[in-house]
Amino acid sequence: MVADLFHYGHVNFLRQARQHGDFLLVGVHADEAVMVYKRRPIFSMEERVASVEGCRWVDEVVPNAPLTIDREWIEKHSIDLVMHGDDFSSDLERLCYKTPMEMGIYRTISYTEGISTTEIISRIKAAEAD
């Protein structure tokens, strides 16, 4: 995950993910990886990792997680299930999660409506314009 401007939508995602197992490992993507498909994160890697680590549903956080999850990453971290929000385009989903999909260990979690980092940024810009 990116986990930029950590908010209740992120918490909801992590809570749902935790319900699928007894240990939740969360990978936080590096700025360069994120910029392949969206803007540069506002928070630093350290800030984003600290935010995710502070979530009660998370057991471990791995910084600089790759955008594309391959078999080596899965085996290195003993991953049984790979999860992402259902807000990804199918092309990006296939790019990033092809291996877990082929392995039958990929699942999606419902996106939390009404909150997103993009929405928060828009609210800030609107408030500044007033």
Protein backbone atom coordinates (compact mmCIF):
# COMPACT_ATOMS: atom_id res chain seq x y z
CA MET A 1 0.00 0.00 0.00
CA VAL A 2 0.99 3.64 -0.33
CA ALA A 3 -0.56 4.73 3.01
CA ASP A 4 -0.13 8.42 2.24
CA LEU A 5 -2.09 10.80 4.49
CA PHE A 6 -3.21 7.76 6.51
CA HIS A 7 -6.99 7.89 7.10
CA TYR A 8 -9.95 5.77 8.19
CA GLY A 9 -10.28 4.23 4.72
CA HIS A 10 -6.81 2.76 5.17
CA VAL A 11 -7.75 1.53 8.64
CA ASN A 12 -10.92 -0.07 7.26
CA PHE A 13 -8.91 -1.82 4.54
CA LEU A 14 -6.40 -3.16 7.09
CA ARG A 15 -9.16 -4.30 9.44
CA GLN A 16 -10.81 -6.23 6.61
CA ALA A 17 -7.48 -7.71 5.48
CA ARG A 18 -6.70 -8.88 9.03
CA GLN A 19 -9.96 -10.84 9.08
CA HIS A 20 -8.51 -13.14 6.40
CA GLY A 21 -5.69 -14.47 8.56
CA ASP A 22 -3.89 -14.46 11.87
CA PHE A 23 -0.91 -12.27 10.84
CA LEU A 24 -1.00 -9.14 8.70
CA LEU A 25 2.16 -8.14 6.89
CA VAL A 26 1.84 -4.82 5.05
CA GLY A 27 4.21 -3.70 2.34
CA VAL A 28 4.58 0.06 1.85
CA HIS A 29 5.66 1.08 -1.65
CA ALA A 30 8.58 3.42 -2.33
CA ASP A 31 7.86 6.81 -3.90
CA GLU A 32 9.37 5.71 -7.23
CA ALA A 33 7.10 2.67 -7.41
CA VAL A 34 4.01 4.71 -6.61
CA MET A 35 4.84 7.30 -9.24
CA VAL A 36 4.39 4.64 -11.93
CA TYR A 37 0.62 5.02 -11.52
CA LYS A 38 -0.07 8.09 -9.35
CA ARG A 39 1.51 11.18 -7.81
CA ARG A 40 4.50 11.26 -5.46
CA PRO A 41 3.41 10.62 -1.85
CA ILE A 42 3.26 13.65 0.41
CA PHE A 43 4.42 11.77 3.52
CA SER A 44 7.92 10.32 3.63
CA MET A 45 8.49 6.57 3.72
CA GLU A 46 9.26 6.82 7.45
CA GLU A 47 6.01 8.70 8.13
CA ARG A 48 3.94 6.25 6.08
CA VAL A 49 5.54 3.21 7.72
CA ALA A 50 5.01 4.70 11.20
CA SER A 51 1.34 5.35 10.42
CA VAL A 52 0.75 1.78 9.28
CA GLU A 53 2.74 0.35 12.22
CA GLY A 54 0.44 2.29 14.56
CA CYS A 55 -2.65 0.51 13.24
CA ARG A 56 -3.90 -2.15 15.65
CA TRP A 57 -4.66 -4.61 12.83
CA VAL A 58 -1.08 -4.70 11.51
CA ASP A 59 1.55 -7.14 12.77
CA GLU A 60 4.51 -6.15 10.59
CA VAL A 61 5.36 -3.49 8.01
CA VAL A 62 7.90 -3.89 5.22
CA PRO A 63 9.12 -0.61 3.69
CA ASN A 64 9.99 -0.33 -0.01
CA ALA A 65 7.73 -3.19 -1.03
CA PRO A 66 7.75 -3.83 -4.79
CA LEU A 67 4.79 -2.73 -6.87
CA THR A 68 4.81 -6.06 -8.69
CA ILE A 69 4.55 -9.00 -6.31
CA ASP A 70 6.52 -11.99 -7.57
CA ARG A 71 7.04 -15.52 -6.27
CA GLU A 72 10.38 -14.60 -4.67
CA TRP A 73 8.72 -11.85 -2.57
CA ILE A 74 5.87 -14.19 -1.60
CA GLU A 75 8.25 -16.96 -0.52
CA LYS A 76 10.69 -14.61 1.23
CA HIS A 77 7.89 -13.31 3.47
CA SER A 78 5.94 -16.61 3.78
CA ILE A 79 2.82 -14.99 2.34
CA ASP A 80 -0.33 -17.11 2.12
CA LEU A 81 -2.69 -14.46 0.75
CA VAL A 82 -2.15 -11.19 -1.15
CA MET A 83 -4.82 -8.51 -0.83
CA HIS A 84 -5.57 -5.17 -2.48
CA GLY A 85 -8.51 -2.79 -2.58
CA ASP A 86 -10.98 -3.28 -5.41
CA ASP A 87 -10.20 0.21 -6.74
CA PHE A 88 -7.36 -0.85 -9.09
CA SER A 89 -7.91 -0.96 -12.85
CA SER A 90 -7.81 -4.49 -14.25
CA ASP A 91 -4.65 -3.65 -16.25
CA LEU A 92 -2.80 -2.41 -13.18
CA GLU A 93 -4.11 -5.32 -11.14
CA ARG A 94 -2.74 -7.81 -13.69
CA LEU A 95 0.58 -5.96 -13.80
CA CYS A 96 1.08 -5.92 -10.04
CA TYR A 97 -0.58 -9.18 -8.99
CA LYS A 98 -0.17 -11.57 -11.93
CA THR A 99 1.81 -14.12 -9.90
CA PRO A 100 -0.49 -14.18 -6.84
CA MET A 101 -3.47 -14.43 -9.21
CA GLU A 102 -1.89 -17.41 -10.97
CA MET A 103 -1.12 -18.98 -7.59
CA GLY A 104 -4.76 -18.52 -6.51
CA ILE A 105 -3.78 -16.43 -3.48
CA TYR A 106 -5.03 -12.98 -4.58
CA ARG A 107 -8.15 -11.36 -3.10
CA THR A 108 -9.66 -7.89 -3.18
CA ILE A 109 -11.25 -5.89 -0.38
CA SER A 110 -14.06 -3.39 -0.85
CA TYR A 111 -12.92 0.20 -1.20
CA THR A 112 -14.22 2.54 1.51
CA GLU A 113 -16.50 5.05 -0.20
CA GLY A 114 -16.30 8.73 0.64
CA ILE A 115 -12.65 8.91 1.71
CA SER A 116 -9.38 8.80 -0.16
CA THR A 117 -6.05 10.57 -0.11
CA THR A 118 -7.04 12.34 -3.34
CA GLU A 119 -10.27 13.50 -1.68
CA ILE A 120 -8.35 14.82 1.34
CA ILE A 121 -5.99 16.76 -0.95
CA SER A 122 -9.01 18.23 -2.78
CA ARG A 123 -10.56 19.28 0.53
CA ILE A 124 -7.31 21.00 1.56
CA LYS A 125 -7.08 22.85 -1.76
CA ALA A 126 -10.74 23.93 -1.50
CA ALA A 127 -10.20 25.16 2.07
CA GLU A 128 -7.14 27.16 0.96
CA ALA A 129 -9.16 28.76 -1.85
CA ASP A 130 -11.86 29.99 0.57
